[in-house]
Amino acid sequence: MAKSTLIKDTTREERIRIVQGALSWGDDCDGVSTLMNSVDAMYQPYIDGELELFECNMRGAARSYVQSEHDRPSTGSSCMMGY
């Protein structure tokens, strides 16, 4: 059975390892360091014991959705599906 990742069940050092392990993409991709800095910032509240891991993920997903909605070109249609 997997160990709990809840703040109450982990130390700060364990939370750092959890985040690092989940985000270990390697150094072979262009732009990884820039992306990793923004991802690191996204999970800092979890590492600091302020937000649970799922809350950080929900915030990141919400930010991506809102950003992508604003970046989508207008089709002139009022339909949310863009038809």
PDB file of N, CA and C in Angstrom:
ATOM      1  N   MET A   1       0.843  -1.171   0.000  1.00  0.00           N
ATOM      2  CA  MET A   1       0.000   0.000   0.000  1.00  0.00           C
ATOM      3  C   MET A   1       0.895   1.244   0.000  1.00  0.00           C
ATOM      4  N   ALA A   2       0.525   2.248  -0.789  1.00  0.00           N
ATOM      5  CA  ALA A   2       1.316   3.469  -0.910  1.00  0.00           C
ATOM      6  C   ALA A   2       1.195   4.307   0.365  1.00  0.00           C
ATOM      7  N   LYS A   3       2.289   4.954   0.697  1.00  0.00           N
ATOM      8  CA  LYS A   3       2.319   5.837   1.866  1.00  0.00           C
ATOM      9  C   LYS A   3       1.512   7.098   1.571  1.00  0.00           C
ATOM     10  N   SER A   4       0.868   7.615   2.566  1.00  0.00           N
ATOM     11  CA  SER A   4       0.069   8.826   2.432  1.00  0.00           C
ATOM     12  C   SER A   4       0.953  10.010   2.062  1.00  0.00           C
ATOM     13  N   THR A   5       0.430  10.884   1.212  1.00  0.00           N
ATOM     14  CA  THR A   5       1.139  12.105   0.844  1.00  0.00           C
ATOM     15  C   THR A   5       0.541  13.331   1.537  1.00  0.00           C
ATOM     16  N   LEU A   6      -0.391  13.110   2.454  1.00  0.00           N
ATOM     17  CA  LEU A   6      -1.006  14.216   3.174  1.00  0.00           C
ATOM     18  C   LEU A   6       0.029  14.948   4.014  1.00  0.00           C
ATOM     19  N   ILE A   7      -0.160  16.241   4.178  1.00  0.00           N
ATOM     20  CA  ILE A   7       0.769  17.058   4.951  1.00  0.00           C
ATOM     21  C   ILE A   7       0.936  16.501   6.362  1.00  0.00           C
ATOM     22  N   LYS A   8      -0.149  16.088   6.981  1.00  0.00           N
ATOM     23  CA  LYS A   8      -0.088  15.588   8.360  1.00  0.00           C
ATOM     24  C   LYS A   8       0.729  14.299   8.479  1.00  0.00           C
ATOM     25  N   ASP A   9       0.904  13.593   7.359  1.00  0.00           N
ATOM     26  CA  ASP A   9       1.614  12.315   7.380  1.00  0.00           C
ATOM     27  C   ASP A   9       3.032  12.395   6.824  1.00  0.00           C
ATOM     28  N   THR A  10       3.496  13.595   6.476  1.00  0.00           N
ATOM     29  CA  THR A  10       4.807  13.735   5.846  1.00  0.00           C
ATOM     30  C   THR A  10       5.596  14.876   6.481  1.00  0.00           C
ATOM     31  N   THR A  11       6.910  14.770   6.351  1.00  0.00           N
ATOM     32  CA  THR A  11       7.780  15.875   6.748  1.00  0.00           C
ATOM     33  C   THR A  11       8.023  16.742   5.523  1.00  0.00           C
ATOM     34  N   ARG A  12       8.580  17.916   5.738  1.00  0.00           N
ATOM     35  CA  ARG A  12       8.899  18.814   4.623  1.00  0.00           C
ATOM     36  C   ARG A  12       9.848  18.112   3.640  1.00  0.00           C
ATOM     37  N   GLU A  13      10.855  17.419   4.170  1.00  0.00           N
ATOM     38  CA  GLU A  13      11.818  16.723   3.315  1.00  0.00           C
ATOM     39  C   GLU A  13      11.141  15.638   2.483  1.00  0.00           C
ATOM     40  N   GLU A  14      10.181  14.928   3.077  1.00  0.00           N
ATOM     41  CA  GLU A  14       9.437  13.915   2.321  1.00  0.00           C
ATOM     42  C   GLU A  14       8.608  14.558   1.219  1.00  0.00           C
ATOM     43  N   ARG A  15       7.997  15.711   1.511  1.00  0.00           N
ATOM     44  CA  ARG A  15       7.194  16.396   0.496  1.00  0.00           C
ATOM     45  C   ARG A  15       8.070  16.871  -0.661  1.00  0.00           C
ATOM     46  N   ILE A  16       9.274  17.328  -0.365  1.00  0.00           N
ATOM     47  CA  ILE A  16      10.208  17.716  -1.430  1.00  0.00           C
ATOM     48  C   ILE A  16      10.515  16.511  -2.303  1.00  0.00           C
ATOM     49  N   ARG A  17      10.794  15.363  -1.699  1.00  0.00           N
ATOM     50  CA  ARG A  17      11.094  14.143  -2.470  1.00  0.00           C
ATOM     51  C   ARG A  17       9.886  13.688  -3.285  1.00  0.00           C
ATOM     52  N   ILE A  18       8.692  13.828  -2.720  1.00  0.00           N
ATOM     53  CA  ILE A  18       7.466  13.440  -3.443  1.00  0.00           C
ATOM     54  C   ILE A  18       7.326  14.281  -4.705  1.00  0.00           C
ATOM     55  N   VAL A  19       7.476  15.590  -4.572  1.00  0.00           N
ATOM     56  CA  VAL A  19       7.349  16.488  -5.723  1.00  0.00           C
ATOM     57  C   VAL A  19       8.463  16.225  -6.729  1.00  0.00           C
ATOM     58  N   GLN A  20       9.694  16.102  -6.263  1.00  0.00           N
ATOM     59  CA  GLN A  20      10.812  15.844  -7.170  1.00  0.00           C
ATOM     60  C   GLN A  20      10.637  14.520  -7.901  1.00  0.00           C
ATOM     61  N   GLY A  21      10.183  13.500  -7.202  1.00  0.00           N
ATOM     62  CA  GLY A  21       9.979  12.197  -7.823  1.00  0.00           C
ATOM     63  C   GLY A  21       8.882  12.223  -8.876  1.00  0.00           C
ATOM     64  N   ALA A  22       7.837  12.962  -8.591  1.00  0.00           N
ATOM     65  CA  ALA A  22       6.721  13.044  -9.536  1.00  0.00           C
ATOM     66  C   ALA A  22       7.081  13.856 -10.765  1.00  0.00           C
ATOM     67  N   LEU A  23       8.015  14.778 -10.635  1.00  0.00           N
ATOM     68  CA  LEU A  23       8.355  15.681 -11.724  1.00  0.00           C
ATOM     69  C   LEU A  23       9.706  15.377 -12.351  1.00  0.00           C
ATOM     70  N   SER A  24      10.236  14.205 -12.130  1.00  0.00           N
ATOM     71  CA  SER A  24      11.563  13.887 -12.669  1.00  0.00           C
ATOM     72  C   SER A  24      11.463  13.562 -14.153  1.00  0.00           C
ATOM     73  N   TRP A  25      11.644  14.601 -14.988  1.00  0.00           N
ATOM     74  CA  TRP A  25      11.542  14.471 -16.437  1.00  0.00           C
ATOM     75  C   TRP A  25      12.885  14.289 -17.090  1.00  0.00           C
ATOM     76  N   GLY A  26      13.963  14.568 -16.363  1.00  0.00           N
ATOM     77  CA  GLY A  26      15.288  14.513 -16.968  1.00  0.00           C
ATOM     78  C   GLY A  26      15.666  15.846 -17.575  1.00  0.00           C
ATOM     79  N   ASP A  27      16.889  15.921 -18.088  1.00  0.00           N
ATOM     80  CA  ASP A  27      17.411  17.175 -18.626  1.00  0.00           C
ATOM     81  C   ASP A  27      17.549  17.147 -20.142  1.00  0.00           C
ATOM     82  N   ASP A  28      16.888  16.221 -20.806  1.00  0.00           N
ATOM     83  CA  ASP A  28      17.089  16.078 -22.245  1.00  0.00           C
ATOM     84  C   ASP A  28      16.079  16.853 -23.088  1.00  0.00           C
ATOM     85  N   CYS A  29      15.205  17.642 -22.453  1.00  0.00           N
ATOM     86  CA  CYS A  29      14.205  18.401 -23.205  1.00  0.00           C
ATOM     87  C   CYS A  29      14.573  19.878 -23.216  1.00  0.00           C
ATOM     88  N   ASP A  30      14.355  20.547 -24.340  1.00  0.00           N
ATOM     89  CA  ASP A  30      14.559  21.992 -24.417  1.00  0.00           C
ATOM     90  C   ASP A  30      13.497  22.698 -23.585  1.00  0.00           C
ATOM     91  N   GLY A  31      13.905  23.712 -22.858  1.00  0.00           N
ATOM     92  CA  GLY A  31      12.970  24.508 -22.085  1.00  0.00           C
ATOM     93  C   GLY A  31      12.515  23.877 -20.793  1.00  0.00           C
ATOM     94  N   VAL A  32      13.096  22.753 -20.401  1.00  0.00           N
ATOM     95  CA  VAL A  32      12.652  22.078 -19.188  1.00  0.00           C
ATOM     96  C   VAL A  32      12.919  22.931 -17.957  1.00  0.00           C
ATOM     97  N   SER A  33      14.062  23.610 -17.893  1.00  0.00           N
ATOM     98  CA  SER A  33      14.375  24.373 -16.682  1.00  0.00           C
ATOM     99  C   SER A  33      13.374  25.503 -16.471  1.00  0.00           C
ATOM    100  N   THR A  34      12.949  26.177 -17.517  1.00  0.00           N
ATOM    101  CA  THR A  34      11.954  27.240 -17.386  1.00  0.00           C
ATOM    102  C   THR A  34      10.622  26.674 -16.926  1.00  0.00           C
ATOM    103  N   LEU A  35      10.202  25.582 -17.534  1.00  0.00           N
ATOM    104  CA  LEU A  35       8.946  24.940 -17.142  1.00  0.00           C
ATOM    105  C   LEU A  35       9.033  24.439 -15.712  1.00  0.00           C
ATOM    106  N   MET A  36      10.145  23.838 -15.354  1.00  0.00           N
ATOM    107  CA  MET A  36      10.297  23.287 -14.013  1.00  0.00           C
ATOM    108  C   MET A  36      10.240  24.379 -12.960  1.00  0.00           C
ATOM    109  N   ASN A  37      10.762  25.565 -13.244  1.00  0.00           N
ATOM    110  CA  ASN A  37      10.686  26.658 -12.274  1.00  0.00           C
ATOM    111  C   ASN A  37       9.241  27.030 -11.991  1.00  0.00           C
ATOM    112  N   SER A  38       8.400  27.082 -13.012  1.00  0.00           N
ATOM    113  CA  SER A  38       6.993  27.424 -12.783  1.00  0.00           C
ATOM    114  C   SER A  38       6.264  26.286 -12.078  1.00  0.00           C
ATOM    115  N   VAL A  39       6.630  25.050 -12.395  1.00  0.00           N
ATOM    116  CA  VAL A  39       6.008  23.899 -11.736  1.00  0.00           C
ATOM    117  C   VAL A  39       6.458  23.839 -10.279  1.00  0.00           C
ATOM    118  N   ASP A  40       7.745  24.111 -10.035  1.00  0.00           N
ATOM    119  CA  ASP A  40       8.235  24.139  -8.657  1.00  0.00           C
ATOM    120  C   ASP A  40       7.444  25.142  -7.830  1.00  0.00           C
ATOM    121  N   ALA A  41       7.195  26.318  -8.393  1.00  0.00           N
ATOM    122  CA  ALA A  41       6.435  27.351  -7.687  1.00  0.00           C
ATOM    123  C   ALA A  41       5.007  26.886  -7.422  1.00  0.00           C
ATOM    124  N   MET A  42       4.447  26.125  -8.338  1.00  0.00           N
ATOM    125  CA  MET A  42       3.085  25.621  -8.191  1.00  0.00           C
ATOM    126  C   MET A  42       2.976  24.691  -6.976  1.00  0.00           C
ATOM    127  N   TYR A  43       4.021  23.902  -6.717  1.00  0.00           N
ATOM    128  CA  TYR A  43       3.991  22.937  -5.618  1.00  0.00           C
ATOM    129  C   TYR A  43       4.625  23.443  -4.330  1.00  0.00           C
ATOM    130  N   GLN A  44       5.132  24.672  -4.315  1.00  0.00           N
ATOM    131  CA  GLN A  44       5.766  25.212  -3.113  1.00  0.00           C
ATOM    132  C   GLN A  44       4.813  25.257  -1.912  1.00  0.00           C
ATOM    133  N   PRO A  45       3.529  25.617  -2.095  1.00  0.00           N
ATOM    134  CA  PRO A  45       2.615  25.597  -0.935  1.00  0.00           C
ATOM    135  C   PRO A  45       2.474  24.196  -0.315  1.00  0.00           C
ATOM    136  N   TYR A  46       2.560  23.152  -1.129  1.00  0.00           N
ATOM    137  CA  TYR A  46       2.510  21.789  -0.600  1.00  0.00           C
ATOM    138  C   TYR A  46       3.777  21.502   0.195  1.00  0.00           C
ATOM    139  N   ILE A  47       4.907  21.831  -0.379  1.00  0.00           N
ATOM    140  CA  ILE A  47       6.183  21.597   0.302  1.00  0.00           C
ATOM    141  C   ILE A  47       6.207  22.343   1.638  1.00  0.00           C
ATOM    142  N   ASP A  48       5.679  23.562   1.651  1.00  0.00           N
ATOM    143  CA  ASP A  48       5.664  24.377   2.864  1.00  0.00           C
ATOM    144  C   ASP A  48       4.568  23.979   3.851  1.00  0.00           C
ATOM    145  N   GLY A  49       3.716  23.025   3.474  1.00  0.00           N
ATOM    146  CA  GLY A  49       2.663  22.556   4.369  1.00  0.00           C
ATOM    147  C   GLY A  49       1.443  23.447   4.418  1.00  0.00           C
ATOM    148  N   GLU A  50       1.257  24.261   3.381  1.00  0.00           N
ATOM    149  CA  GLU A  50       0.129  25.200   3.347  1.00  0.00           C
ATOM    150  C   GLU A  50      -1.081  24.649   2.604  1.00  0.00           C
ATOM    151  N   LEU A  51      -0.859  23.883   1.538  1.00  0.00           N
ATOM    152  CA  LEU A  51      -1.929  23.278   0.739  1.00  0.00           C
ATOM    153  C   LEU A  51      -1.605  21.812   0.498  1.00  0.00           C
ATOM    154  N   GLU A  52      -2.638  20.997   0.442  1.00  0.00           N
ATOM    155  CA  GLU A  52      -2.430  19.587   0.107  1.00  0.00           C
ATOM    156  C   GLU A  52      -2.054  19.469  -1.372  1.00  0.00           C
ATOM    157  N   LEU A  53      -1.459  18.365  -1.729  1.00  0.00           N
ATOM    158  CA  LEU A  53      -1.009  18.122  -3.092  1.00  0.00           C
ATOM    159  C   LEU A  53      -2.152  18.242  -4.094  1.00  0.00           C
ATOM    160  N   PHE A  54      -3.307  17.671  -3.767  1.00  0.00           N
ATOM    161  CA  PHE A  54      -4.447  17.739  -4.691  1.00  0.00           C
ATOM    162  C   PHE A  54      -4.919  19.176  -4.889  1.00  0.00           C
ATOM    163  N   GLU A  55      -4.769  20.014  -3.862  1.00  0.00           N
ATOM    164  CA  GLU A  55      -5.176  21.413  -3.996  1.00  0.00           C
ATOM    165  C   GLU A  55      -4.251  22.164  -4.952  1.00  0.00           C
ATOM    166  N   CYS A  56      -2.967  21.857  -4.889  1.00  0.00           N
ATOM    167  CA  CYS A  56      -2.013  22.464  -5.830  1.00  0.00           C
ATOM    168  C   CYS A  56      -2.333  22.026  -7.252  1.00  0.00           C
ATOM    169  N   ASN A  57      -2.654  20.751  -7.415  1.00  0.00           N
ATOM    170  CA  ASN A  57      -3.006  20.242  -8.742  1.00  0.00           C
ATOM    171  C   ASN A  57      -4.276  20.909  -9.268  1.00  0.00           C
ATOM    172  N   MET A  58      -5.265  21.090  -8.394  1.00  0.00           N
ATOM    173  CA  MET A  58      -6.511  21.733  -8.814  1.00  0.00           C
ATOM    174  C   MET A  58      -6.265  23.182  -9.223  1.00  0.00           C
ATOM    175  N   ARG A  59      -5.432  23.889  -8.477  1.00  0.00           N
ATOM    176  CA  ARG A  59      -5.112  25.275  -8.829  1.00  0.00           C
ATOM    177  C   ARG A  59      -4.400  25.339 -10.177  1.00  0.00           C
ATOM    178  N   GLY A  60      -3.474  24.422 -10.402  1.00  0.00           N
ATOM    179  CA  GLY A  60      -2.752  24.399 -11.672  1.00  0.00           C
ATOM    180  C   GLY A  60      -3.673  24.100 -12.835  1.00  0.00           C
ATOM    181  N   ALA A  61      -4.589  23.167 -12.636  1.00  0.00           N
ATOM    182  CA  ALA A  61      -5.546  22.825 -13.695  1.00  0.00           C
ATOM    183  C   ALA A  61      -6.468  23.996 -13.969  1.00  0.00           C
ATOM    184  N   ALA A  62      -6.918  24.671 -12.920  1.00  0.00           N
ATOM    185  CA  ALA A  62      -7.810  25.820 -13.095  1.00  0.00           C
ATOM    186  C   ALA A  62      -7.090  26.936 -13.845  1.00  0.00           C
ATOM    187  N   ARG A  63      -5.817  27.176 -13.510  1.00  0.00           N
ATOM    188  CA  ARG A  63      -5.053  28.208 -14.197  1.00  0.00           C
ATOM    189  C   ARG A  63      -4.895  27.870 -15.674  1.00  0.00           C
ATOM    190  N   SER A  64      -4.617  26.620 -15.975  1.00  0.00           N
ATOM    191  CA  SER A  64      -4.464  26.198 -17.370  1.00  0.00           C
ATOM    192  C   SER A  64      -5.761  26.368 -18.134  1.00  0.00           C
ATOM    193  N   TYR A  65      -6.879  26.003 -17.514  1.00  0.00           N
ATOM    194  CA  TYR A  65      -8.170  26.107 -18.178  1.00  0.00           C
ATOM    195  C   TYR A  65      -8.518  27.562 -18.453  1.00  0.00           C
ATOM    196  N   VAL A  66      -8.380  28.408 -17.459  1.00  0.00           N
ATOM    197  CA  VAL A  66      -8.713  29.820 -17.632  1.00  0.00           C
ATOM    198  C   VAL A  66      -7.814  30.443 -18.673  1.00  0.00           C
ATOM    199  N   GLN A  67      -6.539  30.137 -18.629  1.00  0.00           N
ATOM    200  CA  GLN A  67      -5.602  30.692 -19.598  1.00  0.00           C
ATOM    201  C   GLN A  67      -5.949  30.207 -21.002  1.00  0.00           C
ATOM    202  N   SER A  68      -6.245  28.930 -21.150  1.00  0.00           N
ATOM    203  CA  SER A  68      -6.541  28.419 -22.485  1.00  0.00           C
ATOM    204  C   SER A  68      -7.858  28.978 -23.010  1.00  0.00           C
ATOM    205  N   GLU A  69      -8.820  29.247 -22.147  1.00  0.00           N
ATOM    206  CA  GLU A  69     -10.090  29.844 -22.576  1.00  0.00           C
ATOM    207  C   GLU A  69      -9.855  31.241 -23.139  1.00  0.00           C
ATOM    208  N   HIS A  70      -8.983  32.011 -22.518  1.00  0.00           N
ATOM    209  CA  HIS A  70      -8.709  33.374 -22.975  1.00  0.00           C
ATOM    210  C   HIS A  70      -7.827  33.384 -24.218  1.00  0.00           C
ATOM    211  N   ASP A  71      -7.018  32.366 -24.393  1.00  0.00           N
ATOM    212  CA  ASP A  71      -6.114  32.305 -25.533  1.00  0.00           C
ATOM    213  C   ASP A  71      -6.791  31.767 -26.789  1.00  0.00           C
ATOM    214  N   ARG A  72      -7.983  31.159 -26.630  1.00  0.00           N
ATOM    215  CA  ARG A  72      -8.670  30.546 -27.762  1.00  0.00           C
ATOM    216  C   ARG A  72      -9.173  31.634 -28.696  1.00  0.00           C
ATOM    217  N   PRO A  73      -8.930  31.488 -29.987  1.00  0.00           N
ATOM    218  CA  PRO A  73      -9.431  32.492 -30.931  1.00  0.00           C
ATOM    219  C   PRO A  73     -10.950  32.468 -30.989  1.00  0.00           C
ATOM    220  N   SER A  74     -11.526  33.626 -31.170  1.00  0.00           N
ATOM    221  CA  SER A  74     -12.978  33.744 -31.229  1.00  0.00           C
ATOM    222  C   SER A  74     -13.483  33.251 -32.579  1.00  0.00           C
ATOM    223  N   THR A  75     -14.556  32.488 -32.539  1.00  0.00           N
ATOM    224  CA  THR A  75     -15.159  31.973 -33.774  1.00  0.00           C
ATOM    225  C   THR A  75     -16.346  32.824 -34.177  1.00  0.00           C
ATOM    226  N   GLY A  76     -16.720  33.781 -33.314  1.00  0.00           N
ATOM    227  CA  GLY A  76     -17.894  34.589 -33.594  1.00  0.00           C
ATOM    228  C   GLY A  76     -19.179  33.908 -33.184  1.00  0.00           C
ATOM    229  N   SER A  77     -19.075  32.679 -32.707  1.00  0.00           N
ATOM    230  CA  SER A  77     -20.249  31.925 -32.283  1.00  0.00           C
ATOM    231  C   SER A  77     -20.432  32.060 -30.780  1.00  0.00           C
ATOM    232  N   SER A  78     -21.651  31.998 -30.305  1.00  0.00           N
ATOM    233  CA  SER A  78     -21.896  32.056 -28.858  1.00  0.00           C
ATOM    234  C   SER A  78     -21.839  30.670 -28.247  1.00  0.00           C
ATOM    235  N   CYS A  79     -21.713  29.643 -29.056  1.00  0.00           N
ATOM    236  CA  CYS A  79     -21.641  28.276 -28.546  1.00  0.00           C
ATOM    237  C   CYS A  79     -20.291  28.050 -27.885  1.00  0.00           C
ATOM    238  N   MET A  80     -20.309  27.461 -26.691  1.00  0.00           N
ATOM    239  CA  MET A  80     -19.065  27.194 -25.969  1.00  0.00           C
ATOM    240  C   MET A  80     -18.166  26.205 -26.708  1.00  0.00           C
ATOM    241  N   MET A  81     -18.758  25.384 -27.557  1.00  0.00           N
ATOM    242  CA  MET A  81     -17.970  24.404 -28.282  1.00  0.00           C
ATOM    243  C   MET A  81     -17.312  25.016 -29.504  1.00  0.00           C
ATOM    244  N   GLY A  82     -17.627  26.261 -29.815  1.00  0.00           N
ATOM    245  CA  GLY A  82     -16.994  26.949 -30.928  1.00  0.00           C
ATOM    246  C   GLY A  82     -17.612  26.645 -32.287  1.00  0.00           C
ATOM    247  N   TYR A  83     -18.815  26.105 -32.298  1.00  0.00           N
ATOM    248  CA  TYR A  83     -19.472  25.778 -33.566  1.00  0.00           C
ATOM    249  C   TYR A  83     -20.305  26.921 -34.055  1.00  0.00           C
TER     250      TYR A  83
END
